[in-house]
Amino acid sequence: LPICGTPGKDGTNGKDGRDGRDGYAGEKGANGAGGAKGERGEKGSSGKAGPKGNQGEMGLPGQQGPAVGGHYTPNWKQCTWNSESSISSGVLQICTFRKFQRSTAVRVLYAGALRVKCPGRNCCGRWYFTFNGTECSNPVPIDGVIFVNDVSNNDLNMHRPSTIEGICENLPAGQVKVGFTVGKCKRDEGSANYYTGYNSFSRILIEEYPPPQQ
């Protein structure tokens, strides 16, 4: 009969086998949390110019202005009225004018009937232009006066056709309110009765002039 011996000791471990083949790709995982905002990058170089756009619509024509040099295109306005005024101090008429350029001058003219009356003494009336409420200072005010010597008390009542005109420089471009005003003479001759306009039309003519010669 065979005789059973005692079990032998475990043998030593064998060497590692070769790596197995790659497994199948797993399912896509959930998106991770957003990272912190990065720093601003440097300015990139300019891109290429885009294609030329279509031509825009033609604008409305502007008003013609005076040329500073060469041919002069007039810019003028006339204001007329057929009324009489006996006020002795204040604005008689305002004519609004659009001045195109800063470097140009403005010529103004009044034409109409004027009268000063003061029986038994001397008196003097002054008519003058203002620009936006102020008399011209460059070069000088634009005015005219009528002096009456009626110390003999002849009750002179003469309505004279009169013209007052001049040029004012350094007025701003844009809207200019030209006022025609009456008041006492700068050398006061006493109060009097002033009259503007009589049985006729009065007018203010305004014109923009190019700069004067040097």
N, C-alpha and C. Protein backbone atom coordinates (compact mmCIF):
# COMPACT_ATOMS: atom_id res chain seq x y z
N LEU A 1 0.85 -1.18 0.00
CA LEU A 1 0.00 0.00 0.00
C LEU A 1 0.89 1.24 0.00
N PRO A 2 0.40 2.28 -0.76
CA PRO A 2 1.20 3.53 -0.74
C PRO A 2 1.13 4.19 0.61
N ILE A 3 2.24 4.85 0.91
CA ILE A 3 2.30 5.54 2.20
C ILE A 3 2.27 7.04 1.91
N CYS A 4 1.33 7.84 2.52
CA CYS A 4 1.18 9.30 2.32
C CYS A 4 2.19 10.01 3.17
N GLY A 5 2.97 10.89 2.51
CA GLY A 5 3.92 11.71 3.27
C GLY A 5 3.28 13.02 3.74
N THR A 6 4.01 13.82 4.44
CA THR A 6 3.52 15.13 4.91
C THR A 6 3.56 16.12 3.75
N PRO A 7 2.62 17.16 3.74
CA PRO A 7 2.59 18.17 2.65
C PRO A 7 3.88 18.99 2.60
N GLY A 8 4.33 19.33 1.37
CA GLY A 8 5.55 20.14 1.24
C GLY A 8 5.27 21.62 1.49
N LYS A 9 6.32 22.42 1.57
CA LYS A 9 6.22 23.88 1.78
C LYS A 9 5.77 24.57 0.48
N ASP A 10 5.14 25.82 0.69
CA ASP A 10 4.71 26.62 -0.49
C ASP A 10 5.93 27.00 -1.31
N GLY A 11 5.73 26.97 -2.60
CA GLY A 11 6.81 27.40 -3.48
C GLY A 11 6.93 28.94 -3.54
N THR A 12 7.96 29.46 -4.08
CA THR A 12 8.17 30.92 -4.25
C THR A 12 7.21 31.46 -5.30
N ASN A 13 6.84 32.82 -5.12
CA ASN A 13 5.92 33.49 -6.08
C ASN A 13 6.57 33.59 -7.45
N GLY A 14 5.74 33.44 -8.45
CA GLY A 14 6.25 33.57 -9.80
C GLY A 14 6.44 35.05 -10.20
N LYS A 15 7.04 35.29 -11.31
CA LYS A 15 7.24 36.66 -11.81
C LYS A 15 5.92 37.26 -12.26
N ASP A 16 5.85 38.72 -12.22
CA ASP A 16 4.64 39.42 -12.66
C ASP A 16 4.38 39.13 -14.13
N GLY A 17 3.13 38.98 -14.41
CA GLY A 17 2.77 38.77 -15.80
C GLY A 17 2.76 40.09 -16.59
N ARG A 18 2.58 40.00 -17.88
CA ARG A 18 2.53 41.21 -18.74
C ARG A 18 1.25 42.01 -18.45
N ASP A 19 1.36 43.41 -18.78
CA ASP A 19 0.18 44.27 -18.61
C ASP A 19 -0.93 43.81 -19.53
N GLY A 20 -2.15 43.92 -18.98
CA GLY A 20 -3.29 43.55 -19.79
C GLY A 20 -3.64 44.65 -20.81
N ARG A 21 -4.46 44.38 -21.75
CA ARG A 21 -4.89 45.36 -22.74
C ARG A 21 -5.74 46.46 -22.09
N ASP A 22 -5.74 47.69 -22.78
CA ASP A 22 -6.56 48.81 -22.27
C ASP A 22 -8.02 48.42 -22.25
N GLY A 23 -8.69 48.88 -21.17
CA GLY A 23 -10.11 48.62 -21.08
C GLY A 23 -10.93 49.57 -21.94
N TYR A 24 -12.20 49.35 -22.01
CA TYR A 24 -13.10 50.26 -22.76
C TYR A 24 -13.21 51.61 -22.05
N ALA A 25 -13.42 52.71 -22.85
CA ALA A 25 -13.56 54.06 -22.27
C ALA A 25 -14.81 54.13 -21.39
N GLY A 26 -14.64 54.77 -20.22
CA GLY A 26 -15.76 54.91 -19.34
C GLY A 26 -16.69 56.05 -19.78
N GLU A 27 -17.81 56.23 -19.11
CA GLU A 27 -18.74 57.31 -19.41
C GLU A 27 -18.17 58.67 -19.01
N LYS A 28 -18.61 59.76 -19.74
CA LYS A 28 -18.12 61.11 -19.47
C LYS A 28 -18.59 61.56 -18.09
N GLY A 29 -17.63 62.07 -17.31
CA GLY A 29 -17.95 62.53 -15.98
C GLY A 29 -18.64 63.90 -15.98
N ALA A 30 -19.17 64.30 -14.86
CA ALA A 30 -19.83 65.62 -14.73
C ALA A 30 -18.79 66.74 -14.81
N ASN A 31 -19.25 67.96 -15.30
CA ASN A 31 -18.34 69.10 -15.38
C ASN A 31 -17.86 69.51 -14.00
N GLY A 32 -16.58 69.86 -13.93
CA GLY A 32 -16.03 70.32 -12.68
C GLY A 32 -16.43 71.77 -12.40
N ALA A 33 -16.17 72.23 -11.19
CA ALA A 33 -16.48 73.61 -10.82
C ALA A 33 -15.61 74.58 -11.62
N GLY A 34 -16.16 75.82 -11.93
CA GLY A 34 -15.40 76.83 -12.68
C GLY A 34 -14.18 77.30 -11.92
N GLY A 35 -13.11 77.54 -12.64
CA GLY A 35 -11.88 78.02 -12.02
C GLY A 35 -11.94 79.52 -11.73
N ALA A 36 -10.97 80.04 -11.05
CA ALA A 36 -10.89 81.47 -10.74
C ALA A 36 -10.62 82.27 -12.01
N LYS A 37 -11.11 83.57 -12.04
CA LYS A 37 -10.93 84.42 -13.21
C LYS A 37 -9.45 84.74 -13.40
N GLY A 38 -9.00 84.54 -14.61
CA GLY A 38 -7.59 84.80 -14.88
C GLY A 38 -7.30 86.28 -15.05
N GLU A 39 -6.03 86.66 -15.06
CA GLU A 39 -5.63 88.04 -15.26
C GLU A 39 -5.88 88.47 -16.70
N ARG A 40 -6.07 89.82 -16.88
CA ARG A 40 -6.34 90.35 -18.21
C ARG A 40 -5.09 90.21 -19.08
N GLY A 41 -5.31 89.71 -20.27
CA GLY A 41 -4.19 89.54 -21.18
C GLY A 41 -3.76 90.83 -21.84
N GLU A 42 -2.63 90.84 -22.49
CA GLU A 42 -2.13 92.00 -23.19
C GLU A 42 -2.99 92.30 -24.42
N LYS A 43 -2.98 93.60 -24.79
CA LYS A 43 -3.75 94.02 -25.96
C LYS A 43 -3.19 93.38 -27.22
N GLY A 44 -4.09 92.79 -27.97
CA GLY A 44 -3.67 92.14 -29.19
C GLY A 44 -3.40 93.14 -30.32
N SER A 45 -2.79 92.68 -31.33
CA SER A 45 -2.50 93.54 -32.48
C SER A 45 -3.79 93.84 -33.25
N SER A 46 -3.78 94.98 -33.96
CA SER A 46 -4.96 95.38 -34.72
C SER A 46 -5.26 94.38 -35.83
N GLY A 47 -6.55 94.14 -35.99
CA GLY A 47 -6.95 93.23 -37.05
C GLY A 47 -6.92 93.89 -38.42
N LYS A 48 -7.15 93.17 -39.41
CA LYS A 48 -7.16 93.70 -40.76
C LYS A 48 -8.37 94.62 -40.97
N ALA A 49 -8.19 95.59 -41.84
CA ALA A 49 -9.29 96.52 -42.14
C ALA A 49 -10.45 95.76 -42.78
N GLY A 50 -11.67 96.13 -42.34
CA GLY A 50 -12.85 95.50 -42.90
C GLY A 50 -13.16 96.03 -44.29
N PRO A 51 -14.11 95.46 -44.94
CA PRO A 51 -14.48 95.92 -46.29
C PRO A 51 -15.08 97.32 -46.26
N LYS A 52 -14.92 98.09 -47.30
CA LYS A 52 -15.43 99.45 -47.40
C LYS A 52 -16.96 99.43 -47.36
N GLY A 53 -17.54 100.31 -46.52
CA GLY A 53 -18.99 100.36 -46.41
C GLY A 53 -19.63 101.08 -47.59
N ASN A 54 -20.93 101.00 -47.62
CA ASN A 54 -21.66 101.68 -48.68
C ASN A 54 -21.66 103.19 -48.46
N GLN A 55 -21.76 103.96 -49.51
CA GLN A 55 -21.78 105.41 -49.42
C GLN A 55 -23.07 105.87 -48.73
N GLY A 56 -22.92 106.82 -47.79
CA GLY A 56 -24.07 107.33 -47.08
C GLY A 56 -24.94 108.22 -47.95
N GLU A 57 -26.13 108.54 -47.43
CA GLU A 57 -27.03 109.40 -48.18
C GLU A 57 -26.52 110.85 -48.17
N MET A 58 -26.85 111.59 -49.19
CA MET A 58 -26.43 112.98 -49.30
C MET A 58 -27.17 113.82 -48.25
N GLY A 59 -26.42 114.67 -47.54
CA GLY A 59 -27.01 115.53 -46.53
C GLY A 59 -27.74 116.71 -47.14
N LEU A 60 -28.48 117.42 -46.27
CA LEU A 60 -29.19 118.60 -46.73
C LEU A 60 -28.21 119.71 -47.04
N PRO A 61 -28.47 120.54 -48.03
CA PRO A 61 -27.53 121.63 -48.35
C PRO A 61 -27.50 122.67 -47.24
N GLY A 62 -26.30 123.14 -46.90
CA GLY A 62 -26.14 124.17 -45.89
C GLY A 62 -26.31 125.55 -46.49
N GLN A 63 -26.38 126.56 -45.59
CA GLN A 63 -26.50 127.92 -46.07
C GLN A 63 -25.15 128.43 -46.54
N GLN A 64 -25.19 129.26 -47.54
CA GLN A 64 -23.97 129.81 -48.11
C GLN A 64 -23.37 130.85 -47.18
N GLY A 65 -22.10 130.70 -46.86
CA GLY A 65 -21.41 131.68 -46.03
C GLY A 65 -20.43 132.49 -46.85
N PRO A 66 -19.95 133.60 -46.26
CA PRO A 66 -19.00 134.45 -46.98
C PRO A 66 -17.62 133.81 -47.04
N ALA A 67 -16.92 133.99 -48.13
CA ALA A 67 -15.56 133.48 -48.26
C ALA A 67 -14.60 134.46 -47.59
N VAL A 68 -13.63 133.91 -46.85
CA VAL A 68 -12.66 134.77 -46.18
C VAL A 68 -11.69 135.36 -47.19
N GLY A 69 -11.34 134.60 -48.18
CA GLY A 69 -10.43 135.10 -49.22
C GLY A 69 -11.03 134.82 -50.59
N GLY A 70 -10.56 135.57 -51.58
CA GLY A 70 -11.06 135.35 -52.93
C GLY A 70 -12.42 135.96 -53.12
N HIS A 71 -13.29 135.26 -53.84
CA HIS A 71 -14.60 135.80 -54.15
C HIS A 71 -15.46 135.90 -52.89
N TYR A 72 -16.16 137.00 -52.75
CA TYR A 72 -16.99 137.25 -51.56
C TYR A 72 -18.45 136.96 -51.88
N THR A 73 -19.06 136.09 -51.09
CA THR A 73 -20.47 135.78 -51.23
C THR A 73 -21.25 136.52 -50.16
N PRO A 74 -22.12 137.46 -50.52
CA PRO A 74 -22.81 138.28 -49.52
C PRO A 74 -23.70 137.45 -48.59
N ASN A 75 -23.74 137.88 -47.35
CA ASN A 75 -24.67 137.35 -46.34
C ASN A 75 -25.30 138.56 -45.68
N TRP A 76 -26.57 138.81 -45.98
CA TRP A 76 -27.19 140.04 -45.50
C TRP A 76 -28.65 139.81 -45.15
N LYS A 77 -29.21 140.79 -44.43
CA LYS A 77 -30.61 140.72 -44.02
C LYS A 77 -31.14 142.14 -43.85
N GLN A 78 -32.43 142.32 -44.17
CA GLN A 78 -33.08 143.62 -44.00
C GLN A 78 -34.35 143.44 -43.17
N CYS A 79 -34.51 144.31 -42.17
CA CYS A 79 -35.73 144.34 -41.37
C CYS A 79 -36.41 145.70 -41.60
N THR A 80 -37.69 145.68 -41.92
CA THR A 80 -38.41 146.92 -42.19
C THR A 80 -39.65 147.01 -41.32
N TRP A 81 -40.11 148.24 -41.05
CA TRP A 81 -41.36 148.43 -40.32
C TRP A 81 -41.96 149.78 -40.70
N ASN A 82 -43.27 149.86 -40.58
CA ASN A 82 -44.00 151.07 -40.94
C ASN A 82 -44.82 151.51 -39.73
N SER A 83 -44.10 151.99 -38.72
CA SER A 83 -44.75 152.46 -37.49
C SER A 83 -43.92 153.59 -36.91
N GLU A 84 -44.54 154.38 -36.04
CA GLU A 84 -43.89 155.53 -35.43
C GLU A 84 -43.76 155.32 -33.93
N SER A 85 -42.70 155.88 -33.36
CA SER A 85 -42.47 155.73 -31.93
C SER A 85 -42.04 157.06 -31.33
N SER A 86 -42.62 157.39 -30.18
CA SER A 86 -42.27 158.62 -29.48
C SER A 86 -41.53 158.35 -28.17
N ILE A 87 -41.04 157.11 -27.98
CA ILE A 87 -40.31 156.83 -26.75
C ILE A 87 -38.99 157.61 -26.75
N SER A 88 -38.58 158.04 -25.57
CA SER A 88 -37.36 158.84 -25.45
C SER A 88 -36.17 158.05 -24.94
N SER A 89 -36.39 156.78 -24.58
CA SER A 89 -35.29 155.95 -24.10
C SER A 89 -35.69 154.49 -24.22
N GLY A 90 -34.87 153.70 -24.92
CA GLY A 90 -35.15 152.27 -25.03
C GLY A 90 -34.95 151.74 -26.43
N VAL A 91 -35.19 150.44 -26.55
CA VAL A 91 -34.99 149.74 -27.82
C VAL A 91 -36.19 150.00 -28.73
N LEU A 92 -35.91 150.42 -29.95
CA LEU A 92 -36.96 150.68 -30.92
C LEU A 92 -37.26 149.46 -31.79
N GLN A 93 -36.22 148.71 -32.12
CA GLN A 93 -36.39 147.56 -33.01
C GLN A 93 -35.22 146.60 -32.81
N ILE A 94 -35.50 145.29 -32.90
CA ILE A 94 -34.45 144.26 -32.86
C ILE A 94 -34.55 143.43 -34.13
N CYS A 95 -33.43 143.24 -34.77
CA CYS A 95 -33.35 142.43 -35.99
C CYS A 95 -32.32 141.33 -35.75
N THR A 96 -32.74 140.07 -35.77
CA THR A 96 -31.84 138.95 -35.49
C THR A 96 -31.13 138.51 -36.76
N PHE A 97 -29.82 138.36 -36.66
CA PHE A 97 -28.97 138.07 -37.82
C PHE A 97 -28.09 136.87 -37.51
N ARG A 98 -27.90 135.99 -38.51
CA ARG A 98 -27.01 134.84 -38.34
C ARG A 98 -25.66 135.13 -38.97
N LYS A 99 -24.65 135.23 -38.12
CA LYS A 99 -23.27 135.49 -38.58
C LYS A 99 -22.56 134.16 -38.77
N PHE A 100 -21.94 133.99 -39.95
CA PHE A 100 -21.38 132.67 -40.28
C PHE A 100 -19.99 132.44 -39.69
N GLN A 101 -19.15 133.46 -39.64
CA GLN A 101 -17.76 133.24 -39.26
C GLN A 101 -17.32 134.19 -38.15
N ARG A 102 -16.35 133.71 -37.36
CA ARG A 102 -15.83 134.51 -36.24
C ARG A 102 -14.97 135.66 -36.72
N SER A 103 -14.25 135.47 -37.83
CA SER A 103 -13.26 136.46 -38.26
C SER A 103 -13.86 137.62 -39.04
N THR A 104 -15.13 137.54 -39.39
CA THR A 104 -15.73 138.59 -40.20
C THR A 104 -16.25 139.73 -39.36
N ALA A 105 -16.63 140.82 -40.03
CA ALA A 105 -17.22 141.99 -39.38
C ALA A 105 -18.68 142.10 -39.79
N VAL A 106 -19.42 142.96 -39.08
CA VAL A 106 -20.84 143.18 -39.39
C VAL A 106 -21.05 144.67 -39.67
N ARG A 107 -21.64 144.96 -40.81
CA ARG A 107 -22.02 146.33 -41.16
C ARG A 107 -23.51 146.49 -40.91
N VAL A 108 -23.89 147.58 -40.25
CA VAL A 108 -25.30 147.86 -39.99
C VAL A 108 -25.64 149.25 -40.51
N LEU A 109 -26.92 149.42 -40.87
CA LEU A 109 -27.40 150.70 -41.38
C LEU A 109 -28.85 150.88 -40.98
N TYR A 110 -29.16 152.07 -40.48
CA TYR A 110 -30.55 152.46 -40.27
C TYR A 110 -30.88 153.58 -41.25
N ALA A 111 -32.07 153.50 -41.84
CA ALA A 111 -32.56 154.56 -42.71
C ALA A 111 -34.02 154.82 -42.37
N GLY A 112 -34.35 156.07 -42.07
CA GLY A 112 -35.72 156.43 -41.72
C GLY A 112 -35.77 157.86 -41.20
N ALA A 113 -36.94 158.28 -40.76
CA ALA A 113 -37.14 159.64 -40.28
C ALA A 113 -36.88 159.72 -38.78
N LEU A 114 -36.18 160.83 -38.36
CA LEU A 114 -35.90 161.08 -36.95
C LEU A 114 -36.23 162.53 -36.63
N ARG A 115 -36.57 162.77 -35.34
CA ARG A 115 -36.89 164.13 -34.92
C ARG A 115 -36.59 164.31 -33.44
N VAL A 116 -36.11 165.53 -33.12
CA VAL A 116 -35.92 165.95 -31.73
C VAL A 116 -36.64 167.28 -31.55
N LYS A 117 -37.41 167.41 -30.46
CA LYS A 117 -38.19 168.63 -30.23
C LYS A 117 -38.06 169.06 -28.78
N CYS A 118 -37.74 170.35 -28.56
CA CYS A 118 -37.63 170.88 -27.20
C CYS A 118 -37.81 172.40 -27.25
N PRO A 119 -39.04 172.88 -27.33
CA PRO A 119 -39.28 174.33 -27.47
C PRO A 119 -38.65 175.15 -26.35
N GLY A 120 -37.97 176.22 -26.73
CA GLY A 120 -37.44 177.17 -25.77
C GLY A 120 -36.08 176.86 -25.22
N ARG A 121 -35.40 175.84 -25.70
CA ARG A 121 -34.08 175.52 -25.17
C ARG A 121 -33.32 174.62 -26.14
N ASN A 122 -32.13 174.19 -25.72
CA ASN A 122 -31.33 173.26 -26.50
C ASN A 122 -31.63 171.83 -26.07
N CYS A 123 -31.50 170.90 -27.01
CA CYS A 123 -31.66 169.48 -26.67
C CYS A 123 -30.93 168.64 -27.70
N CYS A 124 -30.71 167.39 -27.33
CA CYS A 124 -29.93 166.49 -28.20
C CYS A 124 -30.43 165.06 -28.01
N GLY A 125 -30.68 164.39 -29.13
CA GLY A 125 -31.10 162.98 -29.09
C GLY A 125 -30.07 162.10 -29.76
N ARG A 126 -29.93 160.91 -29.25
CA ARG A 126 -28.93 159.97 -29.78
C ARG A 126 -29.60 158.65 -30.14
N TRP A 127 -29.35 158.17 -31.36
CA TRP A 127 -29.80 156.86 -31.82
C TRP A 127 -28.56 156.01 -32.06
N TYR A 128 -28.60 154.74 -31.64
CA TYR A 128 -27.39 153.91 -31.73
C TYR A 128 -27.77 152.43 -31.86
N PHE A 129 -26.78 151.65 -32.29
CA PHE A 129 -26.94 150.21 -32.46
C PHE A 129 -26.34 149.46 -31.27
N THR A 130 -26.98 148.33 -30.93
CA THR A 130 -26.42 147.39 -29.96
C THR A 130 -26.34 146.01 -30.59
N PHE A 131 -25.43 145.19 -30.07
CA PHE A 131 -25.22 143.83 -30.55
C PHE A 131 -25.31 142.90 -29.34
N ASN A 132 -26.38 142.10 -29.32
CA ASN A 132 -26.67 141.25 -28.16
C ASN A 132 -26.74 142.10 -26.88
N GLY A 133 -27.34 143.29 -27.01
CA GLY A 133 -27.59 144.14 -25.85
C GLY A 133 -26.45 145.07 -25.46
N THR A 134 -25.34 145.06 -26.20
CA THR A 134 -24.17 145.88 -25.86
C THR A 134 -23.73 146.69 -27.07
N GLU A 135 -23.34 147.94 -26.82
CA GLU A 135 -22.83 148.75 -27.92
C GLU A 135 -21.50 148.20 -28.44
N CYS A 136 -21.22 148.50 -29.70
CA CYS A 136 -19.98 148.05 -30.32
C CYS A 136 -18.79 148.70 -29.63
N SER A 137 -17.73 147.93 -29.41
CA SER A 137 -16.50 148.46 -28.81
C SER A 137 -15.30 148.26 -29.71
N ASN A 138 -15.50 147.63 -30.86
CA ASN A 138 -14.37 147.40 -31.77
C ASN A 138 -14.81 147.71 -33.20
N PRO A 139 -14.50 148.89 -33.75
CA PRO A 139 -13.58 149.82 -33.10
C PRO A 139 -14.26 150.81 -32.15
N VAL A 140 -15.50 151.27 -32.48
CA VAL A 140 -16.18 152.30 -31.69
C VAL A 140 -17.69 152.07 -31.77
N PRO A 141 -18.48 152.74 -30.90
CA PRO A 141 -19.94 152.64 -31.02
C PRO A 141 -20.42 153.18 -32.37
N ILE A 142 -21.59 152.67 -32.80
CA ILE A 142 -22.20 153.11 -34.05
C ILE A 142 -23.44 153.91 -33.68
N ASP A 143 -23.38 155.25 -33.87
CA ASP A 143 -24.46 156.09 -33.41
C ASP A 143 -24.59 157.33 -34.29
N GLY A 144 -25.65 158.07 -34.03
CA GLY A 144 -25.90 159.35 -34.68
C GLY A 144 -26.71 160.22 -33.75
N VAL A 145 -26.51 161.54 -33.82
CA VAL A 145 -27.22 162.45 -32.92
C VAL A 145 -27.89 163.56 -33.73
N ILE A 146 -28.93 164.12 -33.13
CA ILE A 146 -29.58 165.33 -33.65
C ILE A 146 -29.61 166.35 -32.52
N PHE A 147 -29.01 167.51 -32.79
CA PHE A 147 -29.00 168.59 -31.81
C PHE A 147 -29.92 169.71 -32.31
N VAL A 148 -30.75 170.22 -31.40
CA VAL A 148 -31.68 171.29 -31.74
C VAL A 148 -31.43 172.49 -30.83
N ASN A 149 -31.28 173.66 -31.45
CA ASN A 149 -31.12 174.91 -30.71
C ASN A 149 -32.40 175.73 -30.94
N ASP A 150 -33.31 175.63 -29.97
CA ASP A 150 -34.61 176.29 -30.12
C ASP A 150 -34.86 177.24 -28.96
N VAL A 151 -33.81 177.97 -28.58
CA VAL A 151 -33.97 178.89 -27.46
C VAL A 151 -34.94 180.02 -27.79
N SER A 152 -35.17 180.23 -29.10
CA SER A 152 -36.12 181.29 -29.49
C SER A 152 -37.56 180.80 -29.44
N ASN A 153 -37.73 179.52 -29.05
CA ASN A 153 -39.06 178.94 -28.89
C ASN A 153 -39.87 179.02 -30.19
N ASN A 154 -39.22 178.54 -31.25
CA ASN A 154 -39.91 178.50 -32.55
C ASN A 154 -40.73 177.22 -32.73
N ASP A 155 -40.67 176.35 -31.70
CA ASP A 155 -41.42 175.08 -31.74
C ASP A 155 -41.09 174.29 -33.01
N LEU A 156 -39.78 174.07 -33.23
CA LEU A 156 -39.33 173.33 -34.42
C LEU A 156 -39.84 171.90 -34.37
N ASN A 157 -40.41 171.45 -35.45
CA ASN A 157 -40.98 170.09 -35.51
C ASN A 157 -40.62 169.49 -36.87
N MET A 158 -39.32 169.24 -37.05
CA MET A 158 -38.81 168.79 -38.34
C MET A 158 -38.45 167.31 -38.27
N HIS A 159 -39.15 166.50 -39.07
CA HIS A 159 -38.84 165.07 -39.19
C HIS A 159 -37.87 164.92 -40.37
N ARG A 160 -36.64 164.55 -40.06
CA ARG A 160 -35.60 164.52 -41.08
C ARG A 160 -35.33 163.10 -41.54
N PRO A 161 -35.16 162.86 -42.85
CA PRO A 161 -34.67 161.55 -43.31
C PRO A 161 -33.23 161.39 -42.86
N SER A 162 -32.95 160.30 -42.19
CA SER A 162 -31.62 160.12 -41.57
C SER A 162 -31.06 158.74 -41.85
N THR A 163 -29.75 158.68 -41.88
CA THR A 163 -29.03 157.42 -42.06
C THR A 163 -27.94 157.31 -41.00
N ILE A 164 -27.88 156.17 -40.31
CA ILE A 164 -26.84 155.88 -39.33
C ILE A 164 -26.24 154.53 -39.70
N GLU A 165 -24.92 154.49 -39.88
CA GLU A 165 -24.32 153.22 -40.28
C GLU A 165 -22.89 153.11 -39.76
N GLY A 166 -22.39 151.88 -39.74
CA GLY A 166 -21.01 151.63 -39.32
C GLY A 166 -20.71 150.14 -39.35
N ILE A 167 -19.47 149.80 -39.02
CA ILE A 167 -19.00 148.41 -39.03
C ILE A 167 -18.49 148.05 -37.64
N CYS A 168 -18.88 146.88 -37.16
CA CYS A 168 -18.44 146.38 -35.86
C CYS A 168 -17.69 145.06 -36.06
N GLU A 169 -16.53 144.94 -35.42
CA GLU A 169 -15.69 143.74 -35.54
C GLU A 169 -15.69 142.94 -34.24
N ASN A 170 -15.10 141.74 -34.34
CA ASN A 170 -14.93 140.85 -33.18
C ASN A 170 -16.25 140.41 -32.55
N LEU A 171 -17.26 140.25 -33.36
CA LEU A 171 -18.52 139.68 -32.88
C LEU A 171 -18.48 138.17 -33.07
N PRO A 172 -19.04 137.39 -32.15
CA PRO A 172 -18.98 135.93 -32.30
C PRO A 172 -19.84 135.45 -33.46
N ALA A 173 -19.49 134.27 -33.98
CA ALA A 173 -20.32 133.65 -35.00
C ALA A 173 -21.60 133.13 -34.36
N GLY A 174 -22.64 133.00 -35.17
CA GLY A 174 -23.93 132.53 -34.66
C GLY A 174 -24.95 133.64 -34.65
N GLN A 175 -25.95 133.50 -33.81
CA GLN A 175 -27.04 134.47 -33.77
C GLN A 175 -26.60 135.76 -33.10
N VAL A 176 -26.85 136.88 -33.78
CA VAL A 176 -26.55 138.21 -33.24
C VAL A 176 -27.84 139.02 -33.25
N LYS A 177 -28.23 139.53 -32.09
CA LYS A 177 -29.43 140.37 -31.99
C LYS A 177 -29.01 141.83 -32.13
N VAL A 178 -29.34 142.40 -33.28
CA VAL A 178 -28.98 143.78 -33.58
C VAL A 178 -30.13 144.68 -33.14
N GLY A 179 -29.86 145.56 -32.19
CA GLY A 179 -30.89 146.45 -31.68
C GLY A 179 -30.65 147.89 -32.12
N PHE A 180 -31.75 148.59 -32.41
CA PHE A 180 -31.69 150.01 -32.72
C PHE A 180 -32.37 150.75 -31.57
N THR A 181 -31.62 151.65 -30.91
CA THR A 181 -32.02 152.19 -29.62
C THR A 181 -31.94 153.71 -29.62
N VAL A 182 -32.75 154.36 -28.79
CA VAL A 182 -32.75 155.82 -28.67
C VAL A 182 -32.52 156.21 -27.22
N GLY A 183 -31.90 157.37 -27.01
CA GLY A 183 -31.68 157.88 -25.66
C GLY A 183 -31.06 159.26 -25.72
N LYS A 184 -30.68 159.77 -24.55
CA LYS A 184 -30.05 161.08 -24.48
C LYS A 184 -28.65 161.04 -25.06
N CYS A 185 -28.17 162.18 -25.47
CA CYS A 185 -26.78 162.29 -25.89
C CYS A 185 -25.87 162.09 -24.68
N LYS A 186 -24.64 161.69 -24.95
CA LYS A 186 -23.70 161.44 -23.85
C LYS A 186 -23.42 162.71 -23.06
N ARG A 187 -23.39 163.85 -23.74
CA ARG A 187 -23.33 165.13 -23.03
C ARG A 187 -24.77 165.61 -22.89
N ASP A 188 -25.30 165.42 -21.71
CA ASP A 188 -26.73 165.63 -21.48
C ASP A 188 -27.12 167.09 -21.72
N GLU A 189 -28.07 167.26 -22.64
CA GLU A 189 -28.60 168.60 -22.94
C GLU A 189 -29.98 168.81 -22.33
N GLY A 190 -30.40 167.89 -21.48
CA GLY A 190 -31.72 167.98 -20.89
C GLY A 190 -32.72 167.11 -21.62
N SER A 191 -33.89 166.95 -21.03
CA SER A 191 -34.93 166.10 -21.61
C SER A 191 -35.50 166.72 -22.88
N ALA A 192 -36.06 165.86 -23.73
CA ALA A 192 -36.62 166.32 -24.99
C ALA A 192 -37.63 165.30 -25.47
N ASN A 193 -38.30 165.64 -26.56
CA ASN A 193 -39.25 164.74 -27.18
C ASN A 193 -38.61 164.17 -28.44
N TYR A 194 -38.38 162.84 -28.42
CA TYR A 194 -37.76 162.17 -29.56
C TYR A 194 -38.84 161.44 -30.36
N TYR A 195 -38.64 161.37 -31.67
CA TYR A 195 -39.62 160.71 -32.53
C TYR A 195 -38.86 159.92 -33.59
N THR A 196 -39.25 158.66 -33.75
CA THR A 196 -38.60 157.78 -34.72
C THR A 196 -39.63 157.26 -35.71
N GLY A 197 -39.38 157.53 -37.01
CA GLY A 197 -40.33 157.12 -38.04
C GLY A 197 -41.46 158.12 -38.16
N TYR A 198 -41.76 158.49 -39.40
CA TYR A 198 -42.89 159.40 -39.60
C TYR A 198 -43.41 159.25 -41.02
N ASN A 199 -44.62 158.72 -41.14
CA ASN A 199 -45.30 158.67 -42.43
C ASN A 199 -44.46 157.99 -43.52
N SER A 200 -43.65 157.00 -43.10
CA SER A 200 -42.75 156.32 -44.05
C SER A 200 -42.25 155.03 -43.42
N PHE A 201 -41.59 154.21 -44.22
CA PHE A 201 -40.99 152.97 -43.72
C PHE A 201 -39.62 153.27 -43.12
N SER A 202 -39.28 152.51 -42.09
CA SER A 202 -37.93 152.51 -41.52
C SER A 202 -37.31 151.15 -41.81
N ARG A 203 -35.99 151.10 -41.86
CA ARG A 203 -35.32 149.83 -42.17
C ARG A 203 -33.97 149.74 -41.47
N ILE A 204 -33.61 148.51 -41.14
CA ILE A 204 -32.27 148.16 -40.67
C ILE A 204 -31.68 147.18 -41.69
N LEU A 205 -30.50 147.47 -42.18
CA LEU A 205 -29.79 146.59 -43.10
C LEU A 205 -28.56 146.05 -42.39
N ILE A 206 -28.38 144.73 -42.43
CA ILE A 206 -27.25 144.07 -41.77
C ILE A 206 -26.51 143.24 -42.81
N GLU A 207 -25.18 143.33 -42.80
CA GLU A 207 -24.39 142.58 -43.78
C GLU A 207 -23.09 142.11 -43.14
N GLU A 208 -22.73 140.87 -43.44
CA GLU A 208 -21.45 140.31 -42.94
C GLU A 208 -20.35 140.61 -43.95
N TYR A 209 -19.27 141.19 -43.45
CA TYR A 209 -18.14 141.60 -44.30
C TYR A 209 -16.93 140.72 -44.02
N PRO A 210 -16.10 140.48 -45.05
CA PRO A 210 -14.83 139.77 -44.81
C PRO A 210 -13.90 140.63 -43.97
N PRO A 211 -12.84 140.04 -43.42
CA PRO A 211 -11.91 140.81 -42.58
C PRO A 211 -11.31 141.98 -43.36
N PRO A 212 -10.97 143.08 -42.67
CA PRO A 212 -10.40 144.23 -43.36
C PRO A 212 -8.97 143.96 -43.82
N GLN A 213 -8.50 144.77 -44.72
CA GLN A 213 -7.11 144.67 -45.17
C GLN A 213 -6.18 145.06 -44.03
N GLN A 214 -4.99 144.52 -44.07
CA GLN A 214 -3.99 144.80 -43.00
C GLN A 214 -3.13 145.99 -43.39
